[in-house]
Amino acid sequence: MSNRFYINQFPDFEADRAAGKRNWVVRLGREQARPYFNYIILASFGMILLGIGLQQLPILTGLAGFALPLGFKAMHILQIHYQQKHQLIPAIQATIVLHSVVSLWLTFVFLLS
């Protein structure tokens, strides 16, 4: 996958396809690629829960789940507006904030541990 956020590949679909880029959204097509965004978000939080369950992560890392509504917001917007470039801006913003909040929280917890 490219080094960009997966969701950013949706508004760039036409330009990426025209330029011969082969990111996952171009390969799968926008409609087929939509569910994978959900899997990425949910798997990220699932890995945190798994790490806690296996006692490999501090229990406080679970509080990262408070940011999950941002993920749900982005997932919902993408499911509806996956073909509308400008309508995806709030989903992209929510994804960036989600990534930032979870990263900062995990960093804070690891520094405390």
N, C-alpha and C. Protein backbone atom coordinates (compact mmCIF):
# COMPACT_ATOMS: atom_id res chain seq x y z
N MET A 1 0.86 -1.18 0.00
CA MET A 1 0.00 0.00 0.00
C MET A 1 0.89 1.23 0.00
N SER A 2 0.38 2.29 -0.53
CA SER A 2 1.15 3.52 -0.57
C SER A 2 1.32 4.06 0.84
N ASN A 3 2.19 5.03 1.00
CA ASN A 3 2.45 5.57 2.32
C ASN A 3 1.41 6.61 2.74
N ARG A 4 0.39 6.82 1.93
CA ARG A 4 -0.68 7.75 2.28
C ARG A 4 -1.75 7.01 3.04
N PHE A 5 -2.60 7.76 3.72
CA PHE A 5 -3.77 7.15 4.32
C PHE A 5 -4.59 6.48 3.23
N TYR A 6 -5.10 5.32 3.52
CA TYR A 6 -5.91 4.57 2.56
C TYR A 6 -7.08 5.40 2.06
N ILE A 7 -7.72 6.12 2.95
CA ILE A 7 -8.90 6.91 2.57
C ILE A 7 -8.56 7.99 1.55
N ASN A 8 -7.33 8.47 1.55
CA ASN A 8 -6.93 9.50 0.59
C ASN A 8 -6.88 8.98 -0.85
N GLN A 9 -6.89 7.68 -1.01
CA GLN A 9 -6.86 7.11 -2.35
C GLN A 9 -8.21 7.24 -3.06
N PHE A 10 -9.28 7.43 -2.30
CA PHE A 10 -10.61 7.53 -2.91
C PHE A 10 -10.80 8.82 -3.71
N PRO A 11 -10.52 9.99 -3.15
CA PRO A 11 -10.71 11.20 -3.97
C PRO A 11 -9.71 11.30 -5.12
N ASP A 12 -8.58 10.62 -5.00
CA ASP A 12 -7.55 10.66 -6.03
C ASP A 12 -7.72 9.57 -7.09
N PHE A 13 -8.80 8.81 -7.01
CA PHE A 13 -8.99 7.63 -7.85
C PHE A 13 -8.78 7.91 -9.34
N GLU A 14 -9.50 8.88 -9.87
CA GLU A 14 -9.43 9.15 -11.32
C GLU A 14 -8.02 9.56 -11.74
N ALA A 15 -7.41 10.47 -10.99
CA ALA A 15 -6.07 10.95 -11.34
C ALA A 15 -5.04 9.82 -11.19
N ASP A 16 -5.17 9.03 -10.14
CA ASP A 16 -4.23 7.91 -9.95
C ASP A 16 -4.37 6.88 -11.07
N ARG A 17 -5.60 6.58 -11.44
CA ARG A 17 -5.82 5.60 -12.51
C ARG A 17 -5.26 6.13 -13.83
N ALA A 18 -5.51 7.41 -14.11
CA ALA A 18 -5.01 8.01 -15.35
C ALA A 18 -3.49 8.04 -15.39
N ALA A 19 -2.86 8.18 -14.21
CA ALA A 19 -1.40 8.24 -14.14
C ALA A 19 -0.77 6.85 -14.09
N GLY A 20 -1.60 5.81 -14.07
CA GLY A 20 -1.07 4.45 -14.05
C GLY A 20 -0.67 3.97 -12.67
N LYS A 21 -1.07 4.68 -11.64
CA LYS A 21 -0.76 4.23 -10.28
C LYS A 21 -1.58 2.99 -9.97
N ARG A 22 -1.05 2.13 -9.13
CA ARG A 22 -1.71 0.86 -8.84
C ARG A 22 -1.97 0.69 -7.35
N ASN A 23 -2.43 1.73 -6.68
CA ASN A 23 -2.77 1.59 -5.27
C ASN A 23 -4.00 0.69 -5.14
N TRP A 24 -4.36 0.34 -3.92
CA TRP A 24 -5.43 -0.64 -3.73
C TRP A 24 -6.79 -0.15 -4.22
N VAL A 25 -7.08 1.10 -4.07
CA VAL A 25 -8.37 1.61 -4.52
C VAL A 25 -8.45 1.56 -6.04
N VAL A 26 -7.37 1.86 -6.73
CA VAL A 26 -7.36 1.76 -8.19
C VAL A 26 -7.49 0.29 -8.60
N ARG A 27 -6.77 -0.58 -7.94
CA ARG A 27 -6.82 -2.00 -8.29
C ARG A 27 -8.20 -2.61 -8.08
N LEU A 28 -8.82 -2.28 -6.96
CA LEU A 28 -10.11 -2.88 -6.61
C LEU A 28 -11.30 -2.13 -7.18
N GLY A 29 -11.13 -0.84 -7.40
CA GLY A 29 -12.26 0.02 -7.74
C GLY A 29 -12.83 0.59 -6.45
N ARG A 30 -13.38 1.78 -6.53
CA ARG A 30 -13.85 2.46 -5.32
C ARG A 30 -14.90 1.65 -4.56
N GLU A 31 -15.86 1.12 -5.28
CA GLU A 31 -16.94 0.41 -4.59
C GLU A 31 -16.43 -0.84 -3.86
N GLN A 32 -15.59 -1.60 -4.51
CA GLN A 32 -15.04 -2.81 -3.89
C GLN A 32 -14.04 -2.50 -2.79
N ALA A 33 -13.40 -1.33 -2.85
CA ALA A 33 -12.38 -0.96 -1.87
C ALA A 33 -12.97 -0.41 -0.58
N ARG A 34 -14.23 0.03 -0.63
CA ARG A 34 -14.85 0.66 0.55
C ARG A 34 -14.76 -0.18 1.82
N PRO A 35 -15.14 -1.45 1.81
CA PRO A 35 -15.15 -2.21 3.07
C PRO A 35 -13.78 -2.34 3.71
N TYR A 36 -12.73 -2.28 2.92
CA TYR A 36 -11.39 -2.47 3.48
C TYR A 36 -10.99 -1.32 4.41
N PHE A 37 -11.55 -0.15 4.18
CA PHE A 37 -11.30 0.95 5.11
C PHE A 37 -11.86 0.59 6.49
N ASN A 38 -13.07 0.03 6.51
CA ASN A 38 -13.67 -0.39 7.77
C ASN A 38 -12.80 -1.44 8.46
N TYR A 39 -12.31 -2.40 7.68
CA TYR A 39 -11.48 -3.45 8.25
C TYR A 39 -10.21 -2.87 8.87
N ILE A 40 -9.62 -1.90 8.20
CA ILE A 40 -8.38 -1.29 8.72
C ILE A 40 -8.65 -0.61 10.06
N ILE A 41 -9.73 0.18 10.12
CA ILE A 41 -10.05 0.89 11.36
C ILE A 41 -10.35 -0.11 12.47
N LEU A 42 -11.23 -1.05 12.20
CA LEU A 42 -11.63 -2.01 13.23
C LEU A 42 -10.49 -2.93 13.65
N ALA A 43 -9.66 -3.33 12.70
CA ALA A 43 -8.52 -4.18 13.03
C ALA A 43 -7.52 -3.45 13.92
N SER A 44 -7.36 -2.15 13.72
CA SER A 44 -6.44 -1.38 14.55
C SER A 44 -6.86 -1.43 16.02
N PHE A 45 -8.15 -1.23 16.25
CA PHE A 45 -8.63 -1.28 17.62
C PHE A 45 -8.67 -2.72 18.14
N GLY A 46 -8.94 -3.66 17.25
CA GLY A 46 -8.90 -5.07 17.64
C GLY A 46 -7.52 -5.50 18.09
N MET A 47 -6.50 -4.99 17.43
CA MET A 47 -5.13 -5.32 17.83
C MET A 47 -4.79 -4.76 19.21
N ILE A 48 -5.32 -3.60 19.52
CA ILE A 48 -5.11 -3.05 20.86
C ILE A 48 -5.78 -3.96 21.89
N LEU A 49 -7.02 -4.36 21.62
CA LEU A 49 -7.72 -5.25 22.55
C LEU A 49 -7.01 -6.60 22.68
N LEU A 50 -6.54 -7.12 21.57
CA LEU A 50 -5.79 -8.38 21.61
C LEU A 50 -4.52 -8.23 22.45
N GLY A 51 -3.82 -7.13 22.25
CA GLY A 51 -2.61 -6.89 23.04
C GLY A 51 -2.89 -6.79 24.52
N ILE A 52 -4.01 -6.17 24.88
CA ILE A 52 -4.40 -6.10 26.29
C ILE A 52 -4.75 -7.49 26.80
N GLY A 53 -5.55 -8.23 26.01
CA GLY A 53 -5.96 -9.57 26.41
C GLY A 53 -4.79 -10.52 26.60
N LEU A 54 -3.76 -10.36 25.79
CA LEU A 54 -2.55 -11.19 25.90
C LEU A 54 -1.55 -10.62 26.91
N GLN A 55 -1.94 -9.56 27.56
CA GLN A 55 -1.12 -8.87 28.56
C GLN A 55 0.21 -8.38 27.97
N GLN A 56 0.15 -7.96 26.71
CA GLN A 56 1.31 -7.40 26.04
C GLN A 56 1.24 -5.87 25.98
N LEU A 57 0.05 -5.33 26.22
CA LEU A 57 -0.14 -3.89 26.25
C LEU A 57 -0.73 -3.50 27.59
N PRO A 58 -0.36 -2.33 28.09
CA PRO A 58 -0.97 -1.86 29.35
C PRO A 58 -2.47 -1.66 29.19
N ILE A 59 -3.22 -1.91 30.22
CA ILE A 59 -4.68 -1.81 30.16
C ILE A 59 -5.14 -0.41 29.77
N LEU A 60 -4.36 0.60 30.14
CA LEU A 60 -4.74 1.97 29.78
C LEU A 60 -4.76 2.23 28.28
N THR A 61 -4.08 1.38 27.51
CA THR A 61 -4.13 1.57 26.07
C THR A 61 -5.56 1.38 25.54
N GLY A 62 -6.37 0.65 26.29
CA GLY A 62 -7.75 0.43 25.90
C GLY A 62 -8.57 1.71 25.83
N LEU A 63 -8.14 2.73 26.56
CA LEU A 63 -8.86 4.01 26.51
C LEU A 63 -8.76 4.68 25.15
N ALA A 64 -7.89 4.16 24.29
CA ALA A 64 -7.84 4.67 22.92
C ALA A 64 -9.18 4.43 22.23
N GLY A 65 -9.95 3.50 22.73
CA GLY A 65 -11.27 3.22 22.17
C GLY A 65 -12.22 4.40 22.22
N PHE A 66 -11.93 5.37 23.07
CA PHE A 66 -12.77 6.57 23.11
C PHE A 66 -12.70 7.36 21.79
N ALA A 67 -11.67 7.10 21.00
CA ALA A 67 -11.54 7.78 19.71
C ALA A 67 -12.29 7.03 18.60
N LEU A 68 -12.81 5.85 18.90
CA LEU A 68 -13.48 5.06 17.88
C LEU A 68 -14.64 5.76 17.18
N PRO A 69 -15.40 6.63 17.85
CA PRO A 69 -16.45 7.36 17.12
C PRO A 69 -15.93 8.15 15.92
N LEU A 70 -14.70 8.62 15.98
CA LEU A 70 -14.11 9.29 14.81
C LEU A 70 -13.97 8.30 13.66
N GLY A 71 -13.60 7.08 13.98
CA GLY A 71 -13.50 6.05 12.95
C GLY A 71 -14.85 5.71 12.36
N PHE A 72 -15.85 5.61 13.23
CA PHE A 72 -17.20 5.32 12.74
C PHE A 72 -17.71 6.44 11.84
N LYS A 73 -17.39 7.67 12.21
CA LYS A 73 -17.79 8.81 11.38
C LYS A 73 -17.16 8.71 9.99
N ALA A 74 -15.87 8.44 9.97
CA ALA A 74 -15.17 8.33 8.68
C ALA A 74 -15.70 7.16 7.87
N MET A 75 -15.95 6.04 8.52
CA MET A 75 -16.48 4.87 7.81
C MET A 75 -17.84 5.18 7.20
N HIS A 76 -18.69 5.83 7.98
CA HIS A 76 -20.04 6.16 7.50
C HIS A 76 -19.99 7.09 6.29
N ILE A 77 -19.19 8.12 6.38
CA ILE A 77 -19.09 9.08 5.27
C ILE A 77 -18.55 8.38 4.02
N LEU A 78 -17.52 7.55 4.19
CA LEU A 78 -16.94 6.88 3.04
C LEU A 78 -17.95 5.93 2.38
N GLN A 79 -18.72 5.23 3.18
CA GLN A 79 -19.69 4.29 2.61
C GLN A 79 -20.71 4.99 1.72
N ILE A 80 -21.06 6.22 2.08
CA ILE A 80 -22.08 6.96 1.33
C ILE A 80 -21.48 7.77 0.18
N HIS A 81 -20.37 8.42 0.43
CA HIS A 81 -19.82 9.41 -0.51
C HIS A 81 -18.51 8.97 -1.17
N TYR A 82 -18.29 7.68 -1.33
CA TYR A 82 -17.02 7.18 -1.84
C TYR A 82 -16.69 7.68 -3.24
N GLN A 83 -17.69 8.16 -3.99
CA GLN A 83 -17.43 8.66 -5.35
C GLN A 83 -17.44 10.18 -5.42
N GLN A 84 -17.65 10.85 -4.29
CA GLN A 84 -17.77 12.31 -4.28
C GLN A 84 -16.58 12.92 -3.55
N LYS A 85 -15.65 13.38 -4.32
CA LYS A 85 -14.37 13.87 -3.83
C LYS A 85 -14.52 14.86 -2.66
N HIS A 86 -15.31 15.88 -2.84
CA HIS A 86 -15.40 16.94 -1.83
C HIS A 86 -16.19 16.50 -0.60
N GLN A 87 -17.10 15.56 -0.78
CA GLN A 87 -17.87 15.06 0.36
C GLN A 87 -17.01 14.19 1.28
N LEU A 88 -15.86 13.76 0.82
CA LEU A 88 -14.97 12.90 1.62
C LEU A 88 -14.06 13.69 2.56
N ILE A 89 -14.02 15.00 2.40
CA ILE A 89 -13.12 15.80 3.23
C ILE A 89 -13.36 15.58 4.73
N PRO A 90 -14.59 15.59 5.23
CA PRO A 90 -14.77 15.34 6.67
C PRO A 90 -14.30 13.95 7.09
N ALA A 91 -14.43 12.96 6.22
CA ALA A 91 -13.96 11.61 6.55
C ALA A 91 -12.43 11.58 6.63
N ILE A 92 -11.79 12.28 5.71
CA ILE A 92 -10.32 12.35 5.74
C ILE A 92 -9.86 13.08 6.99
N GLN A 93 -10.53 14.17 7.33
CA GLN A 93 -10.18 14.91 8.55
C GLN A 93 -10.38 14.05 9.79
N ALA A 94 -11.49 13.32 9.85
CA ALA A 94 -11.75 12.46 11.01
C ALA A 94 -10.68 11.37 11.12
N THR A 95 -10.24 10.85 9.99
CA THR A 95 -9.21 9.81 10.00
C THR A 95 -7.88 10.37 10.51
N ILE A 96 -7.55 11.57 10.09
CA ILE A 96 -6.31 12.20 10.55
C ILE A 96 -6.37 12.45 12.05
N VAL A 97 -7.49 12.97 12.53
CA VAL A 97 -7.63 13.22 13.97
C VAL A 97 -7.60 11.90 14.73
N LEU A 98 -8.28 10.89 14.22
CA LEU A 98 -8.28 9.57 14.85
C LEU A 98 -6.86 9.04 14.99
N HIS A 99 -6.11 9.09 13.91
CA HIS A 99 -4.73 8.62 13.92
C HIS A 99 -3.89 9.40 14.94
N SER A 100 -4.07 10.70 14.96
CA SER A 100 -3.30 11.55 15.88
C SER A 100 -3.65 11.28 17.33
N VAL A 101 -4.94 11.21 17.63
CA VAL A 101 -5.38 10.99 19.02
C VAL A 101 -4.90 9.64 19.54
N VAL A 102 -5.11 8.60 18.75
CA VAL A 102 -4.69 7.27 19.20
C VAL A 102 -3.18 7.20 19.35
N SER A 103 -2.45 7.75 18.40
CA SER A 103 -0.98 7.73 18.49
C SER A 103 -0.48 8.47 19.72
N LEU A 104 -1.06 9.65 19.96
CA LEU A 104 -0.64 10.41 21.15
C LEU A 104 -0.99 9.69 22.44
N TRP A 105 -2.18 9.09 22.47
CA TRP A 105 -2.59 8.36 23.68
C TRP A 105 -1.67 7.16 23.93
N LEU A 106 -1.39 6.39 22.89
CA LEU A 106 -0.52 5.23 23.07
C LEU A 106 0.88 5.66 23.49
N THR A 107 1.38 6.73 22.92
CA THR A 107 2.69 7.25 23.32
C THR A 107 2.68 7.65 24.78
N PHE A 108 1.65 8.35 25.20
CA PHE A 108 1.52 8.77 26.60
C PHE A 108 1.50 7.56 27.53
N VAL A 109 0.70 6.56 27.20
CA VAL A 109 0.60 5.36 28.05
C VAL A 109 1.94 4.64 28.12
N PHE A 110 2.62 4.51 27.00
CA PHE A 110 3.91 3.82 27.01
C PHE A 110 4.96 4.60 27.80
N LEU A 111 4.89 5.92 27.76
CA LEU A 111 5.82 6.72 28.56
C LEU A 111 5.53 6.57 30.06
N LEU A 112 4.27 6.38 30.41
CA LEU A 112 3.89 6.17 31.80
C LEU A 112 4.33 4.80 32.32
N SER A 113 4.37 3.84 31.44
CA SER A 113 4.65 2.44 31.84
C SER A 113 6.09 2.24 32.20
